[in-house]
Amino acid sequence: MSIFGFGQTADIDIILDGADSRKMADIKTEEGKKERHYVFYDGESVSGKVNVTLKKPGTKLEHQGIKVEFLGQIELYYDKGNHHEFTSLVKDLARPGELCQNITYAFEFVNVEKPYESYTGANVRLRYFLRVTIVRRISDIVKETEIIVHTLSSYPEINSSIKMEVGIEDCLHIEFEYNKSKYHLKDVIVGKIYFLLVRIKIRHMEIAIIKRETTGSGPNSYSDNETVAKYEIMDGAPVRGESIPIRVFLAGYDLTPTMKDINKKFSVRYYLNLVLVDEEDRRYFKQQ
């Protein structure tokens, strides 16, 4: 609504080059909903057009300049006022003056560094977006368009299996083995659990994938744990010498890459939790 003629007098549209053939992906919003945006990779140029449409043809729009920015920033939800920018590029589209008709501007940010994966978590968001601003004396006219950045990683040269023995002295002794220590997002976790000694009455056993998001650092760090998936892999009491196969398909879950100390603001790690429950509902677990 325009009050005393000071309302928004123009619409801004941002159209990306090559949008027809560019891959799209879903990303969660802060509210937990999903949005689809175009996917870019590190080093790719970002270009397109900005259309400015006057709401009332024949009127003039005075401005103090028009600019387009490419921004990458980290937002910590407990620190709403502060946005930590790690990428900030700006191009001027027009010098101060006035618009008398609809106009289109072309822009290009060449070989843009996008070092981190886009991410929305429980307490933090890492986002990339284009922002067009028509600078005005009273109130700016602003339009933002999100993009999603996926990081490309190669297969690790060393991807050894995980093998570990755990137990309670004279009561329980098990050995578990997973085929790899690093998995891609569509991978399958394959493993086995061997019961070497069983002197407690186990009712069932489950395996869970735990996502741990840590924000902050040192004494000010805070961790949030989320159970992404949980499987019951055994029902009933095992006997000595028995082995239980494990096969977990990751493709069906909303996983992200592991993220280590991103811009010294947050980390995301994943753990496999092996839980045994006895007949008295006591829980024994091992996290890897």
C-alpha atoms as a PDB file:
ATOM      1  CA  MET A   1       0.000   0.000   0.000  1.00  0.00           C
ATOM      2  CA  SER A   2       1.237   3.496  -0.848  1.00  0.00           C
ATOM      3  CA  ILE A   3       1.072   6.033   1.968  1.00  0.00           C
ATOM      4  CA  PHE A   4       1.617   9.658   0.894  1.00  0.00           C
ATOM      5  CA  GLY A   5       3.086   8.269  -2.344  1.00  0.00           C
ATOM      6  CA  PHE A   6       5.977   6.524  -0.564  1.00  0.00           C
ATOM      7  CA  GLY A   7       4.997   2.894  -1.324  1.00  0.00           C
ATOM      8  CA  GLN A   8       6.747   0.461  -3.620  1.00  0.00           C
ATOM      9  CA  THR A   9       6.349   1.918  -7.102  1.00  0.00           C
ATOM     10  CA  ALA A  10       8.147  -0.786  -9.113  1.00  0.00           C
ATOM     11  CA  ASP A  11       8.431  -4.574  -9.281  1.00  0.00           C
ATOM     12  CA  ILE A  12      11.788  -6.325  -9.683  1.00  0.00           C
ATOM     13  CA  ASP A  13      12.265  -9.725 -11.340  1.00  0.00           C
ATOM     14  CA  ILE A  14      15.570 -11.616 -11.452  1.00  0.00           C
ATOM     15  CA  ILE A  15      15.915 -14.093 -14.339  1.00  0.00           C
ATOM     16  CA  LEU A  16      18.966 -16.369 -14.353  1.00  0.00           C
ATOM     17  CA  ASP A  17      20.699 -17.276 -17.614  1.00  0.00           C
ATOM     18  CA  GLY A  18      20.361 -20.930 -18.635  1.00  0.00           C
ATOM     19  CA  ALA A  19      17.492 -21.533 -16.216  1.00  0.00           C
ATOM     20  CA  ASP A  20      15.715 -23.849 -18.687  1.00  0.00           C
ATOM     21  CA  SER A  21      18.541 -26.389 -18.584  1.00  0.00           C
ATOM     22  CA  ARG A  22      19.840 -25.873 -15.041  1.00  0.00           C
ATOM     23  CA  LYS A  23      19.267 -28.515 -12.384  1.00  0.00           C
ATOM     24  CA  MET A  24      16.976 -27.670  -9.474  1.00  0.00           C
ATOM     25  CA  ALA A  25      16.953 -29.052  -5.923  1.00  0.00           C
ATOM     26  CA  ASP A  26      14.926 -28.808  -2.724  1.00  0.00           C
ATOM     27  CA  ILE A  27      16.123 -27.096   0.432  1.00  0.00           C
ATOM     28  CA  LYS A  28      14.405 -26.626   3.775  1.00  0.00           C
ATOM     29  CA  THR A  29      13.339 -23.193   4.964  1.00  0.00           C
ATOM     30  CA  GLU A  30      13.618 -22.023   8.574  1.00  0.00           C
ATOM     31  CA  GLU A  31       9.968 -23.036   9.018  1.00  0.00           C
ATOM     32  CA  GLY A  32      10.747 -26.597   7.892  1.00  0.00           C
ATOM     33  CA  LYS A  33       9.006 -26.289   4.516  1.00  0.00           C
ATOM     34  CA  LYS A  34      10.750 -27.141   1.248  1.00  0.00           C
ATOM     35  CA  GLU A  35      11.578 -24.767  -1.592  1.00  0.00           C
ATOM     36  CA  ARG A  36      13.025 -25.513  -5.044  1.00  0.00           C
ATOM     37  CA  HIS A  37      15.877 -23.411  -6.383  1.00  0.00           C
ATOM     38  CA  TYR A  38      18.539 -23.593  -9.103  1.00  0.00           C
ATOM     39  CA  VAL A  39      21.768 -25.446  -8.300  1.00  0.00           C
ATOM     40  CA  PHE A  40      25.222 -23.917  -8.814  1.00  0.00           C
ATOM     41  CA  TYR A  41      28.732 -25.193  -8.102  1.00  0.00           C
ATOM     42  CA  ASP A  42      31.930 -23.583  -6.857  1.00  0.00           C
ATOM     43  CA  GLY A  43      33.661 -21.564  -9.576  1.00  0.00           C
ATOM     44  CA  GLU A  44      30.594 -21.263 -11.802  1.00  0.00           C
ATOM     45  CA  SER A  45      29.622 -17.831 -13.086  1.00  0.00           C
ATOM     46  CA  VAL A  46      26.223 -16.434 -12.083  1.00  0.00           C
ATOM     47  CA  SER A  47      24.559 -14.256 -14.705  1.00  0.00           C
ATOM     48  CA  GLY A  48      21.136 -13.116 -15.769  1.00  0.00           C
ATOM     49  CA  LYS A  49      18.811 -10.186 -16.235  1.00  0.00           C
ATOM     50  CA  VAL A  50      17.041  -7.802 -13.882  1.00  0.00           C
ATOM     51  CA  ASN A  51      13.647  -6.532 -15.058  1.00  0.00           C
ATOM     52  CA  VAL A  52      12.312  -3.378 -13.403  1.00  0.00           C
ATOM     53  CA  THR A  53       8.602  -2.816 -14.098  1.00  0.00           C
ATOM     54  CA  LEU A  54       6.950   0.463 -13.102  1.00  0.00           C
ATOM     55  CA  LYS A  55       3.603  -0.105 -11.409  1.00  0.00           C
ATOM     56  CA  LYS A  56       2.115   3.074 -12.875  1.00  0.00           C
ATOM     57  CA  PRO A  57       3.141   3.637 -16.513  1.00  0.00           C
ATOM     58  CA  GLY A  58       3.912   7.247 -17.258  1.00  0.00           C
ATOM     59  CA  THR A  59       5.157   8.039 -13.739  1.00  0.00           C
ATOM     60  CA  LYS A  60       8.787   8.644 -12.845  1.00  0.00           C
ATOM     61  CA  LEU A  61      10.775   6.659 -10.300  1.00  0.00           C
ATOM     62  CA  GLU A  62      13.565   8.671  -8.724  1.00  0.00           C
ATOM     63  CA  HIS A  63      16.419   6.624  -7.268  1.00  0.00           C
ATOM     64  CA  GLN A  64      19.905   6.970  -5.818  1.00  0.00           C
ATOM     65  CA  GLY A  65      21.280   4.061  -7.835  1.00  0.00           C
ATOM     66  CA  ILE A  66      20.459   0.429  -8.665  1.00  0.00           C
ATOM     67  CA  LYS A  67      22.771  -2.449  -7.720  1.00  0.00           C
ATOM     68  CA  VAL A  68      22.879  -6.247  -7.749  1.00  0.00           C
ATOM     69  CA  GLU A  69      24.757  -8.263  -5.111  1.00  0.00           C
ATOM     70  CA  PHE A  70      25.790 -11.906  -4.852  1.00  0.00           C
ATOM     71  CA  LEU A  71      25.942 -12.878  -1.180  1.00  0.00           C
ATOM     72  CA  GLY A  72      26.906 -15.953   0.820  1.00  0.00           C
ATOM     73  CA  GLN A  73      26.111 -15.761   4.508  1.00  0.00           C
ATOM     74  CA  ILE A  74      25.700 -17.789   7.680  1.00  0.00           C
ATOM     75  CA  GLU A  75      22.775 -17.030   9.980  1.00  0.00           C
ATOM     76  CA  LEU A  76      22.846 -18.352  13.537  1.00  0.00           C
ATOM     77  CA  TYR A  77      19.265 -18.470  14.808  1.00  0.00           C
ATOM     78  CA  TYR A  78      20.225 -17.371  18.335  1.00  0.00           C
ATOM     79  CA  ASP A  79      22.015 -14.332  16.867  1.00  0.00           C
ATOM     80  CA  LYS A  80      19.327 -13.112  14.466  1.00  0.00           C
ATOM     81  CA  GLY A  81      20.662  -9.597  14.026  1.00  0.00           C
ATOM     82  CA  ASN A  82      24.092 -10.709  12.809  1.00  0.00           C
ATOM     83  CA  HIS A  83      24.608 -12.241   9.377  1.00  0.00           C
ATOM     84  CA  HIS A  84      28.145 -13.501   8.869  1.00  0.00           C
ATOM     85  CA  GLU A  85      29.020 -12.875   5.221  1.00  0.00           C
ATOM     86  CA  PHE A  86      31.782 -14.995   3.671  1.00  0.00           C
ATOM     87  CA  THR A  87      31.083 -13.970   0.066  1.00  0.00           C
ATOM     88  CA  SER A  88      30.012 -10.471  -1.001  1.00  0.00           C
ATOM     89  CA  LEU A  89      30.118  -9.221  -4.603  1.00  0.00           C
ATOM     90  CA  VAL A  90      28.373  -6.121  -5.942  1.00  0.00           C
ATOM     91  CA  LYS A  91      27.775  -4.589  -9.374  1.00  0.00           C
ATOM     92  CA  ASP A  92      26.173  -1.213 -10.083  1.00  0.00           C
ATOM     93  CA  LEU A  93      23.402  -1.433 -12.660  1.00  0.00           C
ATOM     94  CA  ALA A  94      22.469   2.267 -12.818  1.00  0.00           C
ATOM     95  CA  ARG A  95      23.749   5.557 -11.480  1.00  0.00           C
ATOM     96  CA  PRO A  96      21.428   7.892  -9.523  1.00  0.00           C
ATOM     97  CA  GLY A  97      18.670   9.252 -11.732  1.00  0.00           C
ATOM     98  CA  GLU A  98      15.075   8.478 -12.627  1.00  0.00           C
ATOM     99  CA  LEU A  99      13.226   5.739 -14.476  1.00  0.00           C
ATOM    100  CA  CYS A 100      10.468   6.790 -16.856  1.00  0.00           C
ATOM    101  CA  GLN A 101       9.757   3.350 -18.352  1.00  0.00           C
ATOM    102  CA  ASN A 102      10.291  -0.360 -17.755  1.00  0.00           C
ATOM    103  CA  ILE A 103      13.923  -1.385 -18.148  1.00  0.00           C
ATOM    104  CA  THR A 104      16.107  -4.515 -18.232  1.00  0.00           C
ATOM    105  CA  TYR A 105      19.692  -4.752 -16.955  1.00  0.00           C
ATOM    106  CA  ALA A 106      22.128  -7.603 -17.642  1.00  0.00           C
ATOM    107  CA  PHE A 107      24.591  -8.733 -14.977  1.00  0.00           C
ATOM    108  CA  GLU A 108      27.351 -11.326 -14.590  1.00  0.00           C
ATOM    109  CA  PHE A 109      29.472 -12.434 -11.646  1.00  0.00           C
ATOM    110  CA  VAL A 110      32.365 -14.384 -13.176  1.00  0.00           C
ATOM    111  CA  ASN A 111      33.783 -17.618 -11.684  1.00  0.00           C
ATOM    112  CA  VAL A 112      32.227 -17.024  -8.270  1.00  0.00           C
ATOM    113  CA  GLU A 113      33.800 -18.761  -5.277  1.00  0.00           C
ATOM    114  CA  LYS A 114      31.156 -20.762  -3.419  1.00  0.00           C
ATOM    115  CA  PRO A 115      33.229 -22.702  -0.892  1.00  0.00           C
ATOM    116  CA  TYR A 116      30.450 -24.254   1.217  1.00  0.00           C
ATOM    117  CA  GLU A 117      27.317 -26.339   0.698  1.00  0.00           C
ATOM    118  CA  SER A 118      23.942 -24.650   1.190  1.00  0.00           C
ATOM    119  CA  TYR A 119      22.499 -25.824   4.502  1.00  0.00           C
ATOM    120  CA  THR A 120      19.442 -25.314   6.710  1.00  0.00           C
ATOM    121  CA  GLY A 121      19.625 -26.905  10.149  1.00  0.00           C
ATOM    122  CA  ALA A 122      18.138 -26.736  13.626  1.00  0.00           C
ATOM    123  CA  ASN A 123      20.119 -23.669  14.702  1.00  0.00           C
ATOM    124  CA  VAL A 124      21.957 -22.373  11.648  1.00  0.00           C
ATOM    125  CA  ARG A 125      21.439 -21.592   7.985  1.00  0.00           C
ATOM    126  CA  LEU A 126      24.035 -21.146   5.236  1.00  0.00           C
ATOM    127  CA  ARG A 127      22.543 -19.495   2.171  1.00  0.00           C
ATOM    128  CA  TYR A 128      23.517 -17.934  -1.142  1.00  0.00           C
ATOM    129  CA  PHE A 129      21.317 -15.368  -2.851  1.00  0.00           C
ATOM    130  CA  LEU A 130      21.134 -12.514  -5.338  1.00  0.00           C
ATOM    131  CA  ARG A 131      19.821  -9.197  -4.076  1.00  0.00           C
ATOM    132  CA  VAL A 132      18.751  -6.295  -6.281  1.00  0.00           C
ATOM    133  CA  THR A 133      18.291  -2.917  -4.579  1.00  0.00           C
ATOM    134  CA  ILE A 134      16.775   0.257  -5.987  1.00  0.00           C
ATOM    135  CA  VAL A 135      18.172   2.808  -3.525  1.00  0.00           C
ATOM    136  CA  ARG A 136      15.684   5.540  -2.591  1.00  0.00           C
ATOM    137  CA  ARG A 137      15.595   8.391  -0.095  1.00  0.00           C
ATOM    138  CA  ILE A 138      12.616   7.070   1.859  1.00  0.00           C
ATOM    139  CA  SER A 139      12.642   3.278   1.487  1.00  0.00           C
ATOM    140  CA  ASP A 140      14.616   1.011  -0.819  1.00  0.00           C
ATOM    141  CA  ILE A 141      12.945  -1.446  -3.192  1.00  0.00           C
ATOM    142  CA  VAL A 142      14.597  -4.846  -2.693  1.00  0.00           C
ATOM    143  CA  LYS A 143      14.241  -8.239  -4.366  1.00  0.00           C
ATOM    144  CA  GLU A 144      16.113 -11.417  -3.355  1.00  0.00           C
ATOM    145  CA  THR A 145      16.458 -14.725  -5.211  1.00  0.00           C
ATOM    146  CA  GLU A 146      17.949 -17.799  -3.527  1.00  0.00           C
ATOM    147  CA  ILE A 147      20.242 -20.293  -5.215  1.00  0.00           C
ATOM    148  CA  ILE A 148      21.460 -23.644  -3.898  1.00  0.00           C
ATOM    149  CA  VAL A 149      25.146 -24.553  -3.900  1.00  0.00           C
ATOM    150  CA  HIS A 150      26.254 -28.192  -3.972  1.00  0.00           C
ATOM    151  CA  THR A 151      29.892 -29.019  -3.327  1.00  0.00           C
ATOM    152  CA  LEU A 152      31.557 -31.702  -5.440  1.00  0.00           C
ATOM    153  CA  SER A 153      33.841 -34.167  -3.700  1.00  0.00           C
ATOM    154  CA  SER A 154      35.920 -37.039  -5.026  1.00  0.00           C
ATOM    155  CA  TYR A 155      35.996 -40.540  -3.614  1.00  0.00           C
ATOM    156  CA  PRO A 156      38.443 -40.744  -0.713  1.00  0.00           C
ATOM    157  CA  GLU A 157      41.721 -42.495  -1.499  1.00  0.00           C
ATOM    158  CA  ILE A 158      41.571 -44.294   1.838  1.00  0.00           C
ATOM    159  CA  ASN A 159      38.188 -45.570   2.995  1.00  0.00           C
ATOM    160  CA  SER A 160      38.955 -48.266   5.500  1.00  0.00           C
ATOM    161  CA  SER A 161      36.340 -50.389   7.211  1.00  0.00           C
ATOM    162  CA  ILE A 162      35.312 -49.819  10.820  1.00  0.00           C
ATOM    163  CA  LYS A 163      35.865 -52.752  13.152  1.00  0.00           C
ATOM    164  CA  MET A 164      35.437 -52.590  16.911  1.00  0.00           C
ATOM    165  CA  GLU A 165      34.883 -54.844  19.906  1.00  0.00           C
ATOM    166  CA  VAL A 166      32.714 -53.661  22.788  1.00  0.00           C
ATOM    167  CA  GLY A 167      31.192 -55.286  25.801  1.00  0.00           C
ATOM    168  CA  ILE A 168      30.554 -55.591  29.497  1.00  0.00           C
ATOM    169  CA  GLU A 169      33.053 -57.722  31.364  1.00  0.00           C
ATOM    170  CA  ASP A 170      31.873 -61.338  31.776  1.00  0.00           C
ATOM    171  CA  CYS A 171      28.362 -60.402  30.509  1.00  0.00           C
ATOM    172  CA  LEU A 172      28.420 -59.289  26.913  1.00  0.00           C
ATOM    173  CA  HIS A 173      31.061 -59.186  24.207  1.00  0.00           C
ATOM    174  CA  ILE A 174      30.211 -58.179  20.648  1.00  0.00           C
ATOM    175  CA  GLU A 175      32.193 -57.207  17.589  1.00  0.00           C
ATOM    176  CA  PHE A 176      30.769 -54.984  14.897  1.00  0.00           C
ATOM    177  CA  GLU A 177      32.119 -54.198  11.473  1.00  0.00           C
ATOM    178  CA  TYR A 178      31.042 -51.702   8.798  1.00  0.00           C
ATOM    179  CA  ASN A 179      32.386 -51.991   5.256  1.00  0.00           C
ATOM    180  CA  LYS A 180      33.507 -48.326   5.021  1.00  0.00           C
ATOM    181  CA  SER A 181      34.093 -45.288   7.197  1.00  0.00           C
ATOM    182  CA  LYS A 182      32.955 -42.746   4.550  1.00  0.00           C
ATOM    183  CA  TYR A 183      29.714 -42.940   2.588  1.00  0.00           C
ATOM    184  CA  HIS A 184      28.145 -40.822  -0.138  1.00  0.00           C
ATOM    185  CA  LEU A 185      24.566 -39.570   0.249  1.00  0.00           C
ATOM    186  CA  LYS A 186      23.033 -42.373  -1.867  1.00  0.00           C
ATOM    187  CA  ASP A 187      25.246 -45.144  -0.495  1.00  0.00           C
ATOM    188  CA  VAL A 188      24.398 -48.352   1.365  1.00  0.00           C
ATOM    189  CA  ILE A 189      25.894 -49.089   4.776  1.00  0.00           C
ATOM    190  CA  VAL A 190      26.788 -52.775   4.885  1.00  0.00           C
ATOM    191  CA  GLY A 191      27.987 -54.414   8.065  1.00  0.00           C
ATOM    192  CA  LYS A 192      27.825 -57.315  10.490  1.00  0.00           C
ATOM    193  CA  ILE A 193      27.540 -57.794  14.226  1.00  0.00           C
ATOM    194  CA  TYR A 194      29.087 -60.853  15.884  1.00  0.00           C
ATOM    195  CA  PHE A 195      28.069 -62.058  19.347  1.00  0.00           C
ATOM    196  CA  LEU A 196      31.167 -63.482  21.036  1.00  0.00           C
ATOM    197  CA  LEU A 197      29.729 -63.702  24.559  1.00  0.00           C
ATOM    198  CA  VAL A 198      26.084 -63.340  25.654  1.00  0.00           C
ATOM    199  CA  ARG A 199      25.189 -63.692  29.335  1.00  0.00           C
ATOM    200  CA  ILE A 200      22.431 -61.091  29.530  1.00  0.00           C
ATOM    201  CA  LYS A 201      18.935 -61.516  28.144  1.00  0.00           C
ATOM    202  CA  ILE A 202      18.743 -59.201  25.157  1.00  0.00           C
ATOM    203  CA  ARG A 203      15.251 -58.373  23.908  1.00  0.00           C
ATOM    204  CA  HIS A 204      16.108 -56.490  20.730  1.00  0.00           C
ATOM    205  CA  MET A 205      18.793 -54.484  18.984  1.00  0.00           C
ATOM    206  CA  GLU A 206      18.538 -51.369  16.838  1.00  0.00           C
ATOM    207  CA  ILE A 207      20.823 -49.173  14.782  1.00  0.00           C
ATOM    208  CA  ALA A 208      20.271 -45.427  14.383  1.00  0.00           C
ATOM    209  CA  ILE A 209      21.798 -42.668  12.257  1.00  0.00           C
ATOM    210  CA  ILE A 210      22.373 -39.603  14.433  1.00  0.00           C
ATOM    211  CA  LYS A 211      22.965 -36.138  12.991  1.00  0.00           C
ATOM    212  CA  ARG A 212      24.870 -33.793  15.313  1.00  0.00           C
ATOM    213  CA  GLU A 213      24.862 -30.084  14.491  1.00  0.00           C
ATOM    214  CA  THR A 214      27.301 -28.003  16.557  1.00  0.00           C
ATOM    215  CA  THR A 215      27.175 -24.202  16.503  1.00  0.00           C
ATOM    216  CA  GLY A 216      29.667 -21.827  18.091  1.00  0.00           C
ATOM    217  CA  SER A 217      33.060 -22.863  19.392  1.00  0.00           C
ATOM    218  CA  GLY A 218      34.834 -23.676  22.644  1.00  0.00           C
ATOM    219  CA  PRO A 219      32.824 -23.051  25.833  1.00  0.00           C
ATOM    220  CA  ASN A 220      30.118 -21.299  23.794  1.00  0.00           C
ATOM    221  CA  SER A 221      29.420 -24.276  21.530  1.00  0.00           C
ATOM    222  CA  TYR A 222      26.004 -25.939  21.456  1.00  0.00           C
ATOM    223  CA  SER A 223      25.130 -29.322  19.950  1.00  0.00           C
ATOM    224  CA  ASP A 224      21.762 -30.487  18.667  1.00  0.00           C
ATOM    225  CA  ASN A 225      21.236 -34.216  18.049  1.00  0.00           C
ATOM    226  CA  GLU A 226      18.613 -35.501  15.621  1.00  0.00           C
ATOM    227  CA  THR A 227      17.772 -39.148  14.945  1.00  0.00           C
ATOM    228  CA  VAL A 228      17.587 -39.309  11.151  1.00  0.00           C
ATOM    229  CA  ALA A 229      16.795 -43.024  10.888  1.00  0.00           C
ATOM    230  CA  LYS A 230      16.258 -45.954  13.224  1.00  0.00           C
ATOM    231  CA  TYR A 231      16.142 -49.677  12.376  1.00  0.00           C
ATOM    232  CA  GLU A 232      15.400 -52.685  14.520  1.00  0.00           C
ATOM    233  CA  ILE A 233      17.952 -55.222  13.279  1.00  0.00           C
ATOM    234  CA  MET A 234      17.249 -58.039  15.735  1.00  0.00           C
ATOM    235  CA  ASP A 235      14.237 -59.159  17.765  1.00  0.00           C
ATOM    236  CA  GLY A 236      14.835 -61.832  20.376  1.00  0.00           C
ATOM    237  CA  ALA A 237      17.824 -63.150  22.271  1.00  0.00           C
ATOM    238  CA  PRO A 238      21.024 -63.872  20.309  1.00  0.00           C
ATOM    239  CA  VAL A 239      23.301 -66.800  21.088  1.00  0.00           C
ATOM    240  CA  ARG A 240      27.060 -67.004  21.200  1.00  0.00           C
ATOM    241  CA  GLY A 241      28.590 -67.213  17.738  1.00  0.00           C
ATOM    242  CA  GLU A 242      25.572 -65.670  16.011  1.00  0.00           C
ATOM    243  CA  SER A 243      26.084 -62.904  13.444  1.00  0.00           C
ATOM    244  CA  ILE A 244      23.529 -60.286  12.384  1.00  0.00           C
ATOM    245  CA  PRO A 245      23.841 -58.627   8.947  1.00  0.00           C
ATOM    246  CA  ILE A 246      23.288 -54.873   8.579  1.00  0.00           C
ATOM    247  CA  ARG A 247      22.175 -53.124   5.411  1.00  0.00           C
ATOM    248  CA  VAL A 248      21.040 -49.481   5.573  1.00  0.00           C
ATOM    249  CA  PHE A 249      20.049 -47.619   2.390  1.00  0.00           C
ATOM    250  CA  LEU A 250      20.858 -43.917   2.771  1.00  0.00           C
ATOM    251  CA  ALA A 251      19.075 -42.641  -0.359  1.00  0.00           C
ATOM    252  CA  GLY A 252      15.703 -42.428   1.382  1.00  0.00           C
ATOM    253  CA  TYR A 253      16.836 -39.987   4.053  1.00  0.00           C
ATOM    254  CA  ASP A 254      17.312 -36.237   4.156  1.00  0.00           C
ATOM    255  CA  LEU A 255      21.086 -36.227   4.649  1.00  0.00           C
ATOM    256  CA  THR A 256      23.680 -33.532   4.031  1.00  0.00           C
ATOM    257  CA  PRO A 257      27.428 -33.840   3.520  1.00  0.00           C
ATOM    258  CA  THR A 258      29.543 -33.875   6.674  1.00  0.00           C
ATOM    259  CA  MET A 259      30.536 -30.262   7.348  1.00  0.00           C
ATOM    260  CA  LYS A 260      33.598 -29.551   9.488  1.00  0.00           C
ATOM    261  CA  ASP A 261      34.105 -26.160  11.150  1.00  0.00           C
ATOM    262  CA  ILE A 262      32.398 -24.155   8.402  1.00  0.00           C
ATOM    263  CA  ASN A 263      33.767 -20.592   8.538  1.00  0.00           C
ATOM    264  CA  LYS A 264      34.461 -21.288  12.245  1.00  0.00           C
ATOM    265  CA  LYS A 265      30.707 -21.078  12.870  1.00  0.00           C
ATOM    266  CA  PHE A 266      29.262 -24.609  12.773  1.00  0.00           C
ATOM    267  CA  SER A 267      29.825 -28.305  12.048  1.00  0.00           C
ATOM    268  CA  VAL A 268      27.571 -31.194  11.008  1.00  0.00           C
ATOM    269  CA  ARG A 269      28.582 -34.791  11.657  1.00  0.00           C
ATOM    270  CA  TYR A 270      26.843 -38.158  11.409  1.00  0.00           C
ATOM    271  CA  TYR A 271      27.136 -41.138  13.751  1.00  0.00           C
ATOM    272  CA  LEU A 272      25.952 -44.732  13.755  1.00  0.00           C
ATOM    273  CA  ASN A 273      24.407 -45.649  17.084  1.00  0.00           C
ATOM    274  CA  LEU A 274      24.172 -49.337  17.997  1.00  0.00           C
ATOM    275  CA  VAL A 275      21.681 -49.948  20.835  1.00  0.00           C
ATOM    276  CA  LEU A 276      20.894 -53.187  22.671  1.00  0.00           C
ATOM    277  CA  VAL A 277      17.901 -53.406  25.024  1.00  0.00           C
ATOM    278  CA  ASP A 278      17.634 -56.178  27.627  1.00  0.00           C
ATOM    279  CA  GLU A 279      14.507 -57.674  29.190  1.00  0.00           C
ATOM    280  CA  GLU A 280      14.634 -55.142  32.030  1.00  0.00           C
ATOM    281  CA  ASP A 281      14.645 -52.261  29.516  1.00  0.00           C
ATOM    282  CA  ARG A 282      18.263 -51.352  30.190  1.00  0.00           C
ATOM    283  CA  ARG A 283      19.949 -49.879  27.137  1.00  0.00           C
ATOM    284  CA  TYR A 284      23.527 -50.532  26.074  1.00  0.00           C
ATOM    285  CA  PHE A 285      24.887 -48.493  23.203  1.00  0.00           C
ATOM    286  CA  LYS A 286      27.988 -47.733  21.199  1.00  0.00           C
ATOM    287  CA  GLN A 287      28.358 -44.707  18.932  1.00  0.00           C
ATOM    288  CA  GLN A 288      30.681 -44.642  15.927  1.00  0.00           C
END
